Amino acid sequence: MSLRIQEQTLRALVAAGSVSELMAQRSPAGWVLIVRVGTGHTPLELQRGGPREFKSLDVLAALVESVGLANFSVTLLTTT
């Protein structure tokens, strides 16, 4: 079973202490936030589906801070 994480779900997971890592991964349109919960990981999604893409790391960092976390890692290479 694949976990689908949208912003509201991310906020709940952070509040519960369930998020073990956040990683910004470069994508063709900017950056995608990868959320690790337990041993699984999944991109933050839009409500209408598909990964939420951020134009800059500053915007992504603002979201991370707004959900109550203080750090994330950055991966410059895309995986195909």
C-alpha atoms as a PDB file:
ATOM      1  CA  MET A   1       0.000   0.000   0.000  1.00  0.00           C
ATOM      2  CA  SER A   2       1.383   3.387  -1.022  1.00  0.00           C
ATOM      3  CA  LEU A   3       0.945   6.337   1.317  1.00  0.00           C
ATOM      4  CA  ARG A   4      -0.292   9.520  -0.390  1.00  0.00           C
ATOM      5  CA  ILE A   5       0.784  12.639   1.466  1.00  0.00           C
ATOM      6  CA  GLN A   6      -0.732  16.048   0.878  1.00  0.00           C
ATOM      7  CA  GLU A   7       0.058  19.132   2.976  1.00  0.00           C
ATOM      8  CA  GLN A   8      -2.690  18.490   5.540  1.00  0.00           C
ATOM      9  CA  THR A   9      -1.492  14.899   6.001  1.00  0.00           C
ATOM     10  CA  LEU A  10       2.110  16.097   6.312  1.00  0.00           C
ATOM     11  CA  ARG A  11       1.091  18.483   9.094  1.00  0.00           C
ATOM     12  CA  ALA A  12      -0.664  15.651  10.961  1.00  0.00           C
ATOM     13  CA  LEU A  13       2.317  13.299  10.539  1.00  0.00           C
ATOM     14  CA  VAL A  14       4.725  15.967  11.817  1.00  0.00           C
ATOM     15  CA  ALA A  15       2.469  16.669  14.815  1.00  0.00           C
ATOM     16  CA  ALA A  16       2.439  12.940  15.591  1.00  0.00           C
ATOM     17  CA  GLY A  17       6.227  12.710  15.299  1.00  0.00           C
ATOM     18  CA  SER A  18       5.988  10.221  12.433  1.00  0.00           C
ATOM     19  CA  VAL A  19       8.159  12.000   9.840  1.00  0.00           C
ATOM     20  CA  SER A  20      11.738  10.724  10.002  1.00  0.00           C
ATOM     21  CA  GLU A  21      13.196  12.748   7.113  1.00  0.00           C
ATOM     22  CA  LEU A  22      12.375  15.384   4.521  1.00  0.00           C
ATOM     23  CA  MET A  23      14.390  15.657   1.325  1.00  0.00           C
ATOM     24  CA  ALA A  24      14.225  18.208  -1.479  1.00  0.00           C
ATOM     25  CA  GLN A  25      14.899  16.486  -4.789  1.00  0.00           C
ATOM     26  CA  ARG A  26      15.532  18.345  -8.028  1.00  0.00           C
ATOM     27  CA  SER A  27      12.868  17.845 -10.678  1.00  0.00           C
ATOM     28  CA  PRO A  28      12.518  19.174 -14.233  1.00  0.00           C
ATOM     29  CA  ALA A  29      10.246  22.003 -13.005  1.00  0.00           C
ATOM     30  CA  GLY A  30      12.052  22.839  -9.756  1.00  0.00           C
ATOM     31  CA  TRP A  31      11.980  20.837  -6.523  1.00  0.00           C
ATOM     32  CA  VAL A  32       9.871  18.033  -5.044  1.00  0.00           C
ATOM     33  CA  LEU A  33       9.635  17.380  -1.296  1.00  0.00           C
ATOM     34  CA  ILE A  34      10.155  13.699  -0.448  1.00  0.00           C
ATOM     35  CA  VAL A  35       8.681  12.624   2.898  1.00  0.00           C
ATOM     36  CA  ARG A  36      10.055   9.590   4.769  1.00  0.00           C
ATOM     37  CA  VAL A  37       7.662   7.917   7.174  1.00  0.00           C
ATOM     38  CA  GLY A  38       9.014   4.725   8.721  1.00  0.00           C
ATOM     39  CA  THR A  39      10.808   2.810   5.977  1.00  0.00           C
ATOM     40  CA  GLY A  40       8.718   4.254   3.147  1.00  0.00           C
ATOM     41  CA  HIS A  41       9.072   7.525   1.306  1.00  0.00           C
ATOM     42  CA  THR A  42       6.775   9.428  -0.997  1.00  0.00           C
ATOM     43  CA  PRO A  43       6.610  12.864  -2.619  1.00  0.00           C
ATOM     44  CA  LEU A  44       4.340  15.550  -1.220  1.00  0.00           C
ATOM     45  CA  GLU A  45       1.324  15.603  -3.543  1.00  0.00           C
ATOM     46  CA  LEU A  46      -1.103  18.172  -4.868  1.00  0.00           C
ATOM     47  CA  GLN A  47      -4.767  17.750  -3.916  1.00  0.00           C
ATOM     48  CA  ARG A  48      -5.577  16.969  -7.544  1.00  0.00           C
ATOM     49  CA  GLY A  49      -2.799  14.366  -7.673  1.00  0.00           C
ATOM     50  CA  GLY A  50       0.791  14.299  -8.810  1.00  0.00           C
ATOM     51  CA  PRO A  51       3.856  15.602  -7.008  1.00  0.00           C
ATOM     52  CA  ARG A  52       3.811  19.165  -5.719  1.00  0.00           C
ATOM     53  CA  GLU A  53       6.661  21.021  -7.419  1.00  0.00           C
ATOM     54  CA  PHE A  54       8.300  24.060  -5.859  1.00  0.00           C
ATOM     55  CA  LYS A  55       9.966  26.715  -8.035  1.00  0.00           C
ATOM     56  CA  SER A  56      12.640  27.447  -5.418  1.00  0.00           C
ATOM     57  CA  LEU A  57      14.220  25.983  -2.300  1.00  0.00           C
ATOM     58  CA  ASP A  58      13.156  29.137  -0.439  1.00  0.00           C
ATOM     59  CA  VAL A  59       9.479  28.350  -1.004  1.00  0.00           C
ATOM     60  CA  LEU A  60      10.022  24.697  -0.066  1.00  0.00           C
ATOM     61  CA  ALA A  61      11.899  25.759   3.085  1.00  0.00           C
ATOM     62  CA  ALA A  62       9.018  28.064   4.062  1.00  0.00           C
ATOM     63  CA  LEU A  63       6.614  25.119   3.883  1.00  0.00           C
ATOM     64  CA  VAL A  64       8.938  22.908   5.946  1.00  0.00           C
ATOM     65  CA  GLU A  65       9.181  25.628   8.582  1.00  0.00           C
ATOM     66  CA  SER A  66       5.405  26.209   8.555  1.00  0.00           C
ATOM     67  CA  VAL A  67       4.727  22.543   9.371  1.00  0.00           C
ATOM     68  CA  GLY A  68       7.034  22.771  12.387  1.00  0.00           C
ATOM     69  CA  LEU A  69      10.287  21.256  11.179  1.00  0.00           C
ATOM     70  CA  ALA A  70      13.674  22.950  11.060  1.00  0.00           C
ATOM     71  CA  ASN A  71      15.642  20.979   8.462  1.00  0.00           C
ATOM     72  CA  PHE A  72      15.614  18.955   5.277  1.00  0.00           C
ATOM     73  CA  SER A  73      18.286  17.505   3.023  1.00  0.00           C
ATOM     74  CA  VAL A  74      18.838  18.429  -0.626  1.00  0.00           C
ATOM     75  CA  THR A  75      19.543  16.055  -3.503  1.00  0.00           C
ATOM     76  CA  LEU A  76      20.774  17.728  -6.671  1.00  0.00           C
ATOM     77  CA  LEU A  77      20.588  14.696  -8.933  1.00  0.00           C
ATOM     78  CA  THR A  78      17.313  13.535 -10.392  1.00  0.00           C
ATOM     79  CA  THR A  79      16.537   9.833 -10.551  1.00  0.00           C
ATOM     80  CA  THR A  80      14.914   8.328 -13.598  1.00  0.00           C
END
